[in-house]
All heavy atoms as atom14 arrays in JSON, in Angstrom:
{
  "sequence": "NYIYVGMNLDLLGYLKRHNDGREKTTRPNRPIELIYKEFQLPRKDAR",
  "atom14_mask": [
    [1, 1, 1, 1, 1, 1, 1, 1, 0, 0, 0, 0, 0, 0],
    [1, 1, 1, 1, 1, 1, 1, 1, 1, 1, 1, 1, 0, 0],
    [1, 1, 1, 1, 1, 1, 1, 1, 0, 0, 0, 0, 0, 0],
    [1, 1, 1, 1, 1, 1, 1, 1, 1, 1, 1, 1, 0, 0],
    [1, 1, 1, 1, 1, 1, 1, 0, 0, 0, 0, 0, 0, 0],
    [1, 1, 1, 1, 0, 0, 0, 0, 0, 0, 0, 0, 0, 0],
    [1, 1, 1, 1, 1, 1, 1, 1, 0, 0, 0, 0, 0, 0],
    [1, 1, 1, 1, 1, 1, 1, 1, 0, 0, 0, 0, 0, 0],
    [1, 1, 1, 1, 1, 1, 1, 1, 0, 0, 0, 0, 0, 0],
    [1, 1, 1, 1, 1, 1, 1, 1, 0, 0, 0, 0, 0, 0],
    [1, 1, 1, 1, 1, 1, 1, 1, 0, 0, 0, 0, 0, 0],
    [1, 1, 1, 1, 1, 1, 1, 1, 0, 0, 0, 0, 0, 0],
    [1, 1, 1, 1, 0, 0, 0, 0, 0, 0, 0, 0, 0, 0],
    [1, 1, 1, 1, 1, 1, 1, 1, 1, 1, 1, 1, 0, 0],
    [1, 1, 1, 1, 1, 1, 1, 1, 0, 0, 0, 0, 0, 0],
    [1, 1, 1, 1, 1, 1, 1, 1, 1, 0, 0, 0, 0, 0],
    [1, 1, 1, 1, 1, 1, 1, 1, 1, 1, 1, 0, 0, 0],
    [1, 1, 1, 1, 1, 1, 1, 1, 1, 1, 0, 0, 0, 0],
    [1, 1, 1, 1, 1, 1, 1, 1, 0, 0, 0, 0, 0, 0],
    [1, 1, 1, 1, 1, 1, 1, 1, 0, 0, 0, 0, 0, 0],
    [1, 1, 1, 1, 0, 0, 0, 0, 0, 0, 0, 0, 0, 0],
    [1, 1, 1, 1, 1, 1, 1, 1, 1, 1, 1, 0, 0, 0],
    [1, 1, 1, 1, 1, 1, 1, 1, 1, 0, 0, 0, 0, 0],
    [1, 1, 1, 1, 1, 1, 1, 1, 1, 0, 0, 0, 0, 0],
    [1, 1, 1, 1, 1, 1, 1, 0, 0, 0, 0, 0, 0, 0],
    [1, 1, 1, 1, 1, 1, 1, 0, 0, 0, 0, 0, 0, 0],
    [1, 1, 1, 1, 1, 1, 1, 1, 1, 1, 1, 0, 0, 0],
    [1, 1, 1, 1, 1, 1, 1, 0, 0, 0, 0, 0, 0, 0],
    [1, 1, 1, 1, 1, 1, 1, 1, 0, 0, 0, 0, 0, 0],
    [1, 1, 1, 1, 1, 1, 1, 1, 1, 1, 1, 0, 0, 0],
    [1, 1, 1, 1, 1, 1, 1, 0, 0, 0, 0, 0, 0, 0],
    [1, 1, 1, 1, 1, 1, 1, 1, 0, 0, 0, 0, 0, 0],
    [1, 1, 1, 1, 1, 1, 1, 1, 1, 0, 0, 0, 0, 0],
    [1, 1, 1, 1, 1, 1, 1, 1, 0, 0, 0, 0, 0, 0],
    [1, 1, 1, 1, 1, 1, 1, 1, 0, 0, 0, 0, 0, 0],
    [1, 1, 1, 1, 1, 1, 1, 1, 1, 1, 1, 1, 0, 0],
    [1, 1, 1, 1, 1, 1, 1, 1, 1, 0, 0, 0, 0, 0],
    [1, 1, 1, 1, 1, 1, 1, 1, 1, 0, 0, 0, 0, 0],
    [1, 1, 1, 1, 1, 1, 1, 1, 1, 1, 1, 0, 0, 0],
    [1, 1, 1, 1, 1, 1, 1, 1, 1, 0, 0, 0, 0, 0],
    [1, 1, 1, 1, 1, 1, 1, 1, 0, 0, 0, 0, 0, 0],
    [1, 1, 1, 1, 1, 1, 1, 0, 0, 0, 0, 0, 0, 0],
    [1, 1, 1, 1, 1, 1, 1, 1, 1, 1, 1, 0, 0, 0],
    [1, 1, 1, 1, 1, 1, 1, 1, 1, 0, 0, 0, 0, 0],
    [1, 1, 1, 1, 1, 1, 1, 1, 0, 0, 0, 0, 0, 0],
    [1, 1, 1, 1, 1, 0, 0, 0, 0, 0, 0, 0, 0, 0],
    [1, 1, 1, 1, 1, 1, 1, 1, 1, 1, 1, 0, 0, 0]
  ],
  "atom14_positions": [
    [[-6.8, -15.43, 3.12], [-6.31, -16.44, 3.96], [-4.75, -16.53, 3.97], [-4.22, -17.26, 3.16], [-6.92, -17.87, 3.48], [-6.56, -18.99, 4.33], [-6.16, -18.85, 5.62], [-6.62, -20.15, 3.91], [0.0, 0.0, 0.0], [0.0, 0.0, 0.0], [0.0, 0.0, 0.0], [0.0, 0.0, 0.0], [0.0, 0.0, 0.0], [0.0, 0.0, 0.0]],
    [[-4.18, -15.63, 4.69], [-2.74, -15.49, 4.55], [-2.12, -15.12, 5.91], [-2.62, -14.33, 6.64], [-2.36, -14.31, 3.62], [-0.81, -14.07, 3.43], [-0.01, -14.83, 2.71], [-0.41, -12.95, 4.23], [1.29, -14.47, 2.62], [1.07, -12.63, 4.04], [1.76, -13.4, 3.26], [3.24, -13.13, 3.21], [0.0, 0.0, 0.0], [0.0, 0.0, 0.0]],
    [[-1.14, -15.88, 6.35], [-0.51, -15.65, 7.69], [0.98, -15.38, 7.32], [1.64, -16.16, 6.65], [-0.65, -16.82, 8.67], [-2.16, -16.84, 9.08], [0.23, -16.54, 9.86], [-2.57, -18.0, 9.93], [0.0, 0.0, 0.0], [0.0, 0.0, 0.0], [0.0, 0.0, 0.0], [0.0, 0.0, 0.0], [0.0, 0.0, 0.0], [0.0, 0.0, 0.0]],
    [[1.57, -14.46, 7.89], [2.95, -14.07, 7.69], [3.72, -14.22, 9.14], [3.06, -13.6, 10.05], [3.14, -12.66, 7.25], [4.6, -12.18, 7.06], [5.37, -12.63, 5.94], [5.23, -11.52, 8.05], [6.72, -12.3, 5.87], [6.62, -11.19, 8.06], [7.3, -11.57, 6.9], [8.62, -11.19, 6.82], [0.0, 0.0, 0.0], [0.0, 0.0, 0.0]],
    [[4.78, -14.88, 9.14], [5.49, -15.08, 10.37], [6.95, -14.38, 10.18], [7.52, -14.59, 9.16], [5.66, -16.48, 10.79], [6.52, -16.73, 11.94], [4.43, -17.2, 10.98], [0.0, 0.0, 0.0], [0.0, 0.0, 0.0], [0.0, 0.0, 0.0], [0.0, 0.0, 0.0], [0.0, 0.0, 0.0], [0.0, 0.0, 0.0], [0.0, 0.0, 0.0]],
    [[7.39, -13.76, 11.24], [8.66, -13.04, 11.17], [9.29, -12.77, 12.47], [8.64, -13.15, 13.52], [0.0, 0.0, 0.0], [0.0, 0.0, 0.0], [0.0, 0.0, 0.0], [0.0, 0.0, 0.0], [0.0, 0.0, 0.0], [0.0, 0.0, 0.0], [0.0, 0.0, 0.0], [0.0, 0.0, 0.0], [0.0, 0.0, 0.0], [0.0, 0.0, 0.0]],
    [[10.39, -12.22, 12.49], [11.03, -11.9, 13.77], [11.85, -10.54, 13.48], [12.44, -10.39, 12.44], [11.98, -12.99, 14.2], [13.17, -13.28, 13.33], [14.35, -14.48, 14.13], [15.68, -13.23, 14.25], [0.0, 0.0, 0.0], [0.0, 0.0, 0.0], [0.0, 0.0, 0.0], [0.0, 0.0, 0.0], [0.0, 0.0, 0.0], [0.0, 0.0, 0.0]],
    [[11.94, -9.81, 14.44], [12.79, -8.51, 14.53], [12.96, -7.92, 15.82], [12.41, -8.35, 16.83], [12.27, -7.61, 13.32], [10.95, -7.11, 13.66], [10.66, -6.59, 14.76], [10.05, -7.14, 12.85], [0.0, 0.0, 0.0], [0.0, 0.0, 0.0], [0.0, 0.0, 0.0], [0.0, 0.0, 0.0], [0.0, 0.0, 0.0], [0.0, 0.0, 0.0]],
    [[13.69, -6.78, 15.85], [13.82, -6.04, 17.07], [12.88, -4.92, 17.26], [12.76, -4.28, 18.23], [15.3, -5.55, 17.17], [16.45, -6.52, 17.26], [17.74, -5.81, 17.02], [16.32, -7.15, 18.49], [0.0, 0.0, 0.0], [0.0, 0.0, 0.0], [0.0, 0.0, 0.0], [0.0, 0.0, 0.0], [0.0, 0.0, 0.0], [0.0, 0.0, 0.0]],
    [[12.11, -4.57, 16.22], [11.16, -3.45, 16.22], [9.84, -3.81, 15.68], [9.41, -3.48, 14.59], [11.78, -2.26, 15.44], [10.91, -1.06, 15.4], [10.08, -0.85, 16.3], [11.11, -0.23, 14.52], [0.0, 0.0, 0.0], [0.0, 0.0, 0.0], [0.0, 0.0, 0.0], [0.0, 0.0, 0.0], [0.0, 0.0, 0.0], [0.0, 0.0, 0.0]],
    [[9.04, -4.46, 16.55], [7.73, -5.08, 16.06], [6.82, -3.84, 15.52], [6.17, -4.01, 14.46], [7.03, -5.84, 17.16], [5.63, -6.33, 16.9], [5.74, -7.25, 15.69], [5.09, -6.9, 18.21], [0.0, 0.0, 0.0], [0.0, 0.0, 0.0], [0.0, 0.0, 0.0], [0.0, 0.0, 0.0], [0.0, 0.0, 0.0], [0.0, 0.0, 0.0]],
    [[6.69, -2.79, 16.34], [5.67, -1.8, 15.88], [6.17, -1.13, 14.5], [5.28, -0.77, 13.73], [5.52, -0.74, 16.99], [4.9, -1.23, 18.32], [4.81, -0.13, 19.35], [3.55, -1.84, 18.02], [0.0, 0.0, 0.0], [0.0, 0.0, 0.0], [0.0, 0.0, 0.0], [0.0, 0.0, 0.0], [0.0, 0.0, 0.0], [0.0, 0.0, 0.0]],
    [[7.39, -0.86, 14.4], [7.94, -0.36, 13.13], [7.69, -1.31, 12.05], [7.24, -0.85, 10.93], [0.0, 0.0, 0.0], [0.0, 0.0, 0.0], [0.0, 0.0, 0.0], [0.0, 0.0, 0.0], [0.0, 0.0, 0.0], [0.0, 0.0, 0.0], [0.0, 0.0, 0.0], [0.0, 0.0, 0.0], [0.0, 0.0, 0.0], [0.0, 0.0, 0.0]],
    [[7.87, -2.53, 12.26], [7.66, -3.56, 11.17], [6.11, -3.56, 10.76], [5.74, -3.8, 9.6], [8.27, -4.8, 11.41], [9.48, -5.04, 10.63], [10.61, -4.4, 11.11], [9.55, -5.81, 9.5], [11.86, -4.57, 10.32], [10.7, -5.97, 8.73], [11.9, -5.36, 9.2], [13.1, -5.41, 8.49], [0.0, 0.0, 0.0], [0.0, 0.0, 0.0]],
    [[5.31, -3.59, 11.75], [3.95, -3.75, 11.54], [3.49, -2.59, 10.67], [2.74, -2.69, 9.58], [3.15, -3.71, 12.82], [1.58, -3.75, 12.76], [1.29, -5.21, 12.08], [1.02, -3.88, 14.15], [0.0, 0.0, 0.0], [0.0, 0.0, 0.0], [0.0, 0.0, 0.0], [0.0, 0.0, 0.0], [0.0, 0.0, 0.0], [0.0, 0.0, 0.0]],
    [[3.93, -1.38, 10.92], [3.69, -0.15, 10.16], [4.19, -0.33, 8.69], [3.5, 0.02, 7.77], [4.26, 1.11, 10.82], [3.86, 2.36, 10.0], [4.22, 3.59, 10.83], [4.06, 4.93, 10.07], [3.23, 4.9, 9.06], [0.0, 0.0, 0.0], [0.0, 0.0, 0.0], [0.0, 0.0, 0.0], [0.0, 0.0, 0.0], [0.0, 0.0, 0.0]],
    [[5.43, -0.9, 8.64], [5.99, -1.04, 7.26], [5.2, -1.98, 6.43], [4.9, -1.81, 5.35], [7.51, -1.64, 7.41], [8.47, -0.58, 7.82], [9.95, -1.22, 7.86], [10.27, -1.8, 6.61], [10.99, -1.04, 5.73], [11.33, 0.25, 5.92], [11.29, -1.59, 4.5], [0.0, 0.0, 0.0], [0.0, 0.0, 0.0], [0.0, 0.0, 0.0]],
    [[4.68, -3.08, 7.03], [3.88, -4.03, 6.37], [2.51, -3.43, 5.9], [2.2, -3.6, 4.69], [3.63, -5.25, 7.23], [4.74, -6.25, 7.34], [5.18, -7.0, 6.39], [5.53, -6.47, 8.42], [6.16, -7.73, 6.78], [6.5, -7.48, 8.05], [0.0, 0.0, 0.0], [0.0, 0.0, 0.0], [0.0, 0.0, 0.0], [0.0, 0.0, 0.0]],
    [[1.96, -2.71, 6.73], [0.6, -2.04, 6.41], [0.83, -0.85, 5.45], [-0.06, -0.61, 4.72], [-0.17, -1.66, 7.69], [-0.97, -2.78, 8.2], [-1.61, -3.48, 7.4], [-0.98, -2.97, 9.49], [0.0, 0.0, 0.0], [0.0, 0.0, 0.0], [0.0, 0.0, 0.0], [0.0, 0.0, 0.0], [0.0, 0.0, 0.0], [0.0, 0.0, 0.0]],
    [[2.0, -0.29, 5.47], [2.21, 0.86, 4.44], [2.62, 0.33, 3.08], [2.77, 1.15, 2.22], [3.28, 1.78, 4.94], [2.92, 2.68, 6.13], [1.63, 2.71, 6.47], [3.87, 3.2, 6.77], [0.0, 0.0, 0.0], [0.0, 0.0, 0.0], [0.0, 0.0, 0.0], [0.0, 0.0, 0.0], [0.0, 0.0, 0.0], [0.0, 0.0, 0.0]],
    [[2.74, -1.02, 2.94], [3.12, -1.57, 1.68], [4.55, -1.53, 1.45], [4.92, -1.72, 0.24], [0.0, 0.0, 0.0], [0.0, 0.0, 0.0], [0.0, 0.0, 0.0], [0.0, 0.0, 0.0], [0.0, 0.0, 0.0], [0.0, 0.0, 0.0], [0.0, 0.0, 0.0], [0.0, 0.0, 0.0], [0.0, 0.0, 0.0], [0.0, 0.0, 0.0]],
    [[5.34, -1.37, 2.39], [6.83, -1.19, 2.09], [7.58, -2.49, 2.3], [8.74, -2.59, 1.97], [7.41, -0.21, 3.07], [6.96, 1.23, 2.81], [7.57, 2.25, 3.65], [8.09, 1.82, 4.96], [8.27, 2.64, 6.0], [7.91, 3.87, 5.77], [8.7, 2.12, 7.04], [0.0, 0.0, 0.0], [0.0, 0.0, 0.0], [0.0, 0.0, 0.0]],
    [[6.82, -3.6, 2.59], [7.41, -4.95, 2.5], [6.78, -5.75, 1.36], [5.56, -5.97, 1.38], [7.16, -5.69, 3.89], [7.89, -4.91, 5.08], [9.38, -4.94, 4.92], [9.87, -5.94, 4.45], [10.0, -3.95, 5.37], [0.0, 0.0, 0.0], [0.0, 0.0, 0.0], [0.0, 0.0, 0.0], [0.0, 0.0, 0.0], [0.0, 0.0, 0.0]],
    [[7.71, -6.27, 0.56], [7.11, -6.94, -0.61], [6.4, -8.25, -0.36], [5.3, -8.52, -1.06], [8.36, -7.27, -1.58], [8.0, -8.04, -2.86], [9.38, -8.37, -3.55], [9.02, -8.96, -4.81], [10.31, -9.25, -5.64], [0.0, 0.0, 0.0], [0.0, 0.0, 0.0], [0.0, 0.0, 0.0], [0.0, 0.0, 0.0], [0.0, 0.0, 0.0]],
    [[6.63, -9.0, 0.79], [5.95, -10.17, 1.08], [4.54, -9.95, 1.44], [3.7, -10.93, 1.14], [6.68, -10.94, 2.19], [6.89, -10.14, 3.26], [8.15, -11.39, 1.77], [0.0, 0.0, 0.0], [0.0, 0.0, 0.0], [0.0, 0.0, 0.0], [0.0, 0.0, 0.0], [0.0, 0.0, 0.0], [0.0, 0.0, 0.0], [0.0, 0.0, 0.0]],
    [[4.22, -8.91, 2.1], [2.81, -8.72, 2.57], [2.01, -7.64, 1.77], [0.87, -7.55, 1.98], [2.76, -8.39, 4.0], [3.7, -7.22, 4.23], [3.26, -9.52, 4.87], [0.0, 0.0, 0.0], [0.0, 0.0, 0.0], [0.0, 0.0, 0.0], [0.0, 0.0, 0.0], [0.0, 0.0, 0.0], [0.0, 0.0, 0.0], [0.0, 0.0, 0.0]],
    [[2.62, -7.03, 0.85], [2.08, -5.89, 0.14], [0.63, -6.28, -0.5], [-0.29, -5.56, -0.27], [2.89, -5.36, -1.02], [2.5, -4.17, -1.62], [3.41, -3.52, -2.57], [4.8, -3.29, -2.02], [5.86, -3.57, -2.54], [5.93, -4.16, -3.77], [7.01, -3.44, -2.01], [0.0, 0.0, 0.0], [0.0, 0.0, 0.0], [0.0, 0.0, 0.0]],
    [[0.65, -7.36, -1.2], [-0.68, -7.74, -1.85], [-1.72, -8.21, -0.92], [-2.87, -8.48, -1.28], [-0.34, -8.82, -2.9], [0.97, -9.34, -2.44], [1.72, -8.28, -1.6], [0.0, 0.0, 0.0], [0.0, 0.0, 0.0], [0.0, 0.0, 0.0], [0.0, 0.0, 0.0], [0.0, 0.0, 0.0], [0.0, 0.0, 0.0], [0.0, 0.0, 0.0]],
    [[-1.42, -8.36, 0.36], [-2.34, -9.0, 1.31], [-2.81, -7.98, 2.37], [-3.39, -8.34, 3.38], [-1.7, -10.19, 2.09], [-1.32, -11.2, 1.04], [-2.1, -11.71, 0.27], [-0.04, -11.62, 0.92], [0.0, 0.0, 0.0], [0.0, 0.0, 0.0], [0.0, 0.0, 0.0], [0.0, 0.0, 0.0], [0.0, 0.0, 0.0], [0.0, 0.0, 0.0]],
    [[-2.53, -6.72, 2.09], [-2.92, -5.65, 3.1], [-4.38, -5.49, 3.14], [-5.05, -5.74, 2.13], [-2.25, -4.36, 2.75], [-0.82, -4.42, 2.99], [-0.19, -3.06, 2.6], [-0.31, -2.87, 1.14], [-0.45, -1.61, 0.61], [-0.18, -0.73, 1.26], [-0.58, -1.6, -0.63], [0.0, 0.0, 0.0], [0.0, 0.0, 0.0], [0.0, 0.0, 0.0]],
    [[-4.99, -4.99, 4.28], [-4.43, -4.69, 5.44], [-4.07, -5.94, 6.35], [-4.83, -6.94, 6.12], [-5.37, -3.79, 6.26], [-6.64, -4.2, 5.65], [-6.42, -4.71, 4.23], [0.0, 0.0, 0.0], [0.0, 0.0, 0.0], [0.0, 0.0, 0.0], [0.0, 0.0, 0.0], [0.0, 0.0, 0.0], [0.0, 0.0, 0.0], [0.0, 0.0, 0.0]],
    [[-3.2, -5.86, 7.15], [-2.74, -7.08, 8.01], [-2.9, -6.66, 9.48], [-2.87, -5.48, 9.82], [-1.39, -7.56, 7.8], [-0.37, -6.49, 7.93], [-1.38, -8.14, 6.28], [1.04, -6.9, 7.82], [0.0, 0.0, 0.0], [0.0, 0.0, 0.0], [0.0, 0.0, 0.0], [0.0, 0.0, 0.0], [0.0, 0.0, 0.0], [0.0, 0.0, 0.0]],
    [[-3.09, -7.73, 10.33], [-3.19, -7.33, 11.75], [-2.32, -8.33, 12.52], [-2.11, -9.53, 12.08], [-4.58, -7.46, 12.28], [-5.25, -8.85, 12.14], [-6.73, -8.86, 12.43], [-7.26, -7.86, 13.06], [-7.33, -9.78, 12.14], [0.0, 0.0, 0.0], [0.0, 0.0, 0.0], [0.0, 0.0, 0.0], [0.0, 0.0, 0.0], [0.0, 0.0, 0.0]],
    [[-1.83, -7.88, 13.73], [-1.0, -8.78, 14.52], [-1.93, -9.8, 15.26], [-2.96, -9.5, 15.81], [-0.24, -7.86, 15.56], [0.88, -8.55, 16.41], [2.01, -9.12, 15.67], [1.28, -7.64, 17.46], [0.0, 0.0, 0.0], [0.0, 0.0, 0.0], [0.0, 0.0, 0.0], [0.0, 0.0, 0.0], [0.0, 0.0, 0.0], [0.0, 0.0, 0.0]],
    [[-1.58, -11.02, 15.19], [-2.33, -12.09, 15.8], [-1.61, -12.7, 16.99], [-2.19, -13.44, 17.84], [-2.89, -13.16, 14.87], [-1.81, -13.81, 14.14], [-3.92, -12.56, 13.89], [-2.28, -15.07, 13.34], [0.0, 0.0, 0.0], [0.0, 0.0, 0.0], [0.0, 0.0, 0.0], [0.0, 0.0, 0.0], [0.0, 0.0, 0.0], [0.0, 0.0, 0.0]],
    [[-0.19, -12.65, 16.9], [0.49, -13.4, 17.91], [1.96, -12.7, 18.09], [2.42, -12.23, 17.01], [0.78, -14.92, 17.45], [1.53, -15.62, 18.39], [0.96, -16.15, 19.56], [2.81, -15.9, 18.25], [1.7, -16.99, 20.45], [3.69, -16.65, 19.13], [3.03, -17.19, 20.27], [3.78, -17.83, 21.21], [0.0, 0.0, 0.0], [0.0, 0.0, 0.0]],
    [[2.41, -12.7, 19.26], [3.83, -12.21, 19.48], [4.43, -12.9, 20.68], [3.74, -13.27, 21.57], [3.88, -10.72, 19.53], [3.25, -10.17, 20.87], [3.48, -8.74, 21.0], [2.78, -8.23, 22.21], [2.9, -6.75, 22.37], [0.0, 0.0, 0.0], [0.0, 0.0, 0.0], [0.0, 0.0, 0.0], [0.0, 0.0, 0.0], [0.0, 0.0, 0.0]],
    [[5.65, -13.12, 20.6], [6.46, -13.57, 21.87], [7.9, -13.08, 21.85], [8.41, -12.8, 20.77], [6.42, -15.08, 21.97], [7.17, -15.9, 20.92], [7.19, -17.39, 21.2], [6.05, -17.95, 21.45], [8.22, -18.04, 20.94], [0.0, 0.0, 0.0], [0.0, 0.0, 0.0], [0.0, 0.0, 0.0], [0.0, 0.0, 0.0], [0.0, 0.0, 0.0]],
    [[8.43, -12.91, 22.87], [9.83, -12.28, 23.02], [10.84, -13.42, 23.24], [10.62, -14.39, 24.01], [9.8, -11.26, 24.14], [8.77, -10.32, 24.11], [7.62, -10.22, 24.87], [8.79, -9.24, 23.06], [6.67, -9.28, 24.75], [7.77, -8.3, 22.95], [6.74, -8.38, 23.8], [0.0, 0.0, 0.0], [0.0, 0.0, 0.0], [0.0, 0.0, 0.0]],
    [[11.92, -13.23, 22.63], [13.03, -14.25, 22.67], [14.4, -13.62, 22.76], [14.65, -12.6, 22.2], [13.01, -14.98, 21.41], [11.82, -15.97, 21.27], [11.94, -17.27, 22.09], [13.03, -17.63, 22.49], [10.83, -17.62, 22.47], [0.0, 0.0, 0.0], [0.0, 0.0, 0.0], [0.0, 0.0, 0.0], [0.0, 0.0, 0.0], [0.0, 0.0, 0.0]],
    [[15.16, -14.22, 23.63], [16.67, -13.86, 23.68], [17.34, -15.31, 23.59], [16.94, -16.16, 24.33], [16.97, -13.11, 24.94], [16.62, -11.64, 24.97], [17.0, -11.16, 26.4], [17.48, -10.86, 24.07], [0.0, 0.0, 0.0], [0.0, 0.0, 0.0], [0.0, 0.0, 0.0], [0.0, 0.0, 0.0], [0.0, 0.0, 0.0], [0.0, 0.0, 0.0]],
    [[18.38, -15.43, 22.95], [19.07, -14.65, 21.95], [18.41, -14.82, 20.62], [17.47, -15.58, 20.48], [20.56, -15.18, 22.04], [20.31, -16.56, 22.41], [19.15, -16.65, 23.35], [0.0, 0.0, 0.0], [0.0, 0.0, 0.0], [0.0, 0.0, 0.0], [0.0, 0.0, 0.0], [0.0, 0.0, 0.0], [0.0, 0.0, 0.0], [0.0, 0.0, 0.0]],
    [[19.1, -14.26, 19.63], [18.65, -14.29, 18.26], [18.39, -15.73, 17.69], [17.41, -16.03, 17.07], [19.65, -13.58, 17.36], [19.07, -13.38, 15.89], [20.17, -12.83, 14.9], [19.51, -12.59, 13.69], [19.32, -13.52, 12.8], [19.47, -14.77, 12.92], [18.81, -13.06, 11.48], [0.0, 0.0, 0.0], [0.0, 0.0, 0.0], [0.0, 0.0, 0.0]],
    [[19.32, -16.62, 18.07], [19.08, -17.98, 17.57], [17.83, -18.76, 18.06], [17.22, -19.57, 17.36], [20.36, -18.85, 17.67], [20.58, -19.29, 19.21], [21.8, -20.28, 19.25], [21.69, -20.9, 20.62], [21.9, -22.29, 20.83], [0.0, 0.0, 0.0], [0.0, 0.0, 0.0], [0.0, 0.0, 0.0], [0.0, 0.0, 0.0], [0.0, 0.0, 0.0]],
    [[17.48, -18.44, 19.29], [16.33, -18.89, 19.81], [15.04, -18.3, 19.1], [14.05, -18.95, 18.83], [16.18, -18.65, 21.3], [17.15, -19.41, 22.14], [17.7, -20.37, 21.54], [17.48, -19.02, 23.31], [0.0, 0.0, 0.0], [0.0, 0.0, 0.0], [0.0, 0.0, 0.0], [0.0, 0.0, 0.0], [0.0, 0.0, 0.0], [0.0, 0.0, 0.0]],
    [[15.09, -16.99, 18.84], [14.0, -16.41, 18.07], [13.93, -17.01, 16.69], [12.81, -17.23, 16.21], [14.27, -14.88, 17.94], [0.0, 0.0, 0.0], [0.0, 0.0, 0.0], [0.0, 0.0, 0.0], [0.0, 0.0, 0.0], [0.0, 0.0, 0.0], [0.0, 0.0, 0.0], [0.0, 0.0, 0.0], [0.0, 0.0, 0.0], [0.0, 0.0, 0.0]],
    [[15.0, -17.26, 16.02], [15.02, -17.85, 14.64], [14.39, -19.3, 14.68], [13.66, -19.61, 13.8], [16.35, -17.78, 14.09], [16.46, -18.42, 12.7], [15.85, -17.47, 11.72], [16.1, -18.03, 10.46], [15.07, -18.29, 9.5], [13.87, -18.05, 9.89], [15.32, -18.74, 8.4], [0.0, 0.0, 0.0], [0.0, 0.0, 0.0], [0.0, 0.0, 0.0]]
  ]
}
């Protein structure tokens, strides 16, 4: 029962990093799947 929320410029790359265990925050909760995404400009709106 774990949901991770983030933002970046390379969604597919980060999804792979998370599932490969290269991100400390999600490593113990693998495998993970994308459940939601939305696109934002500029960065402050995304944040």
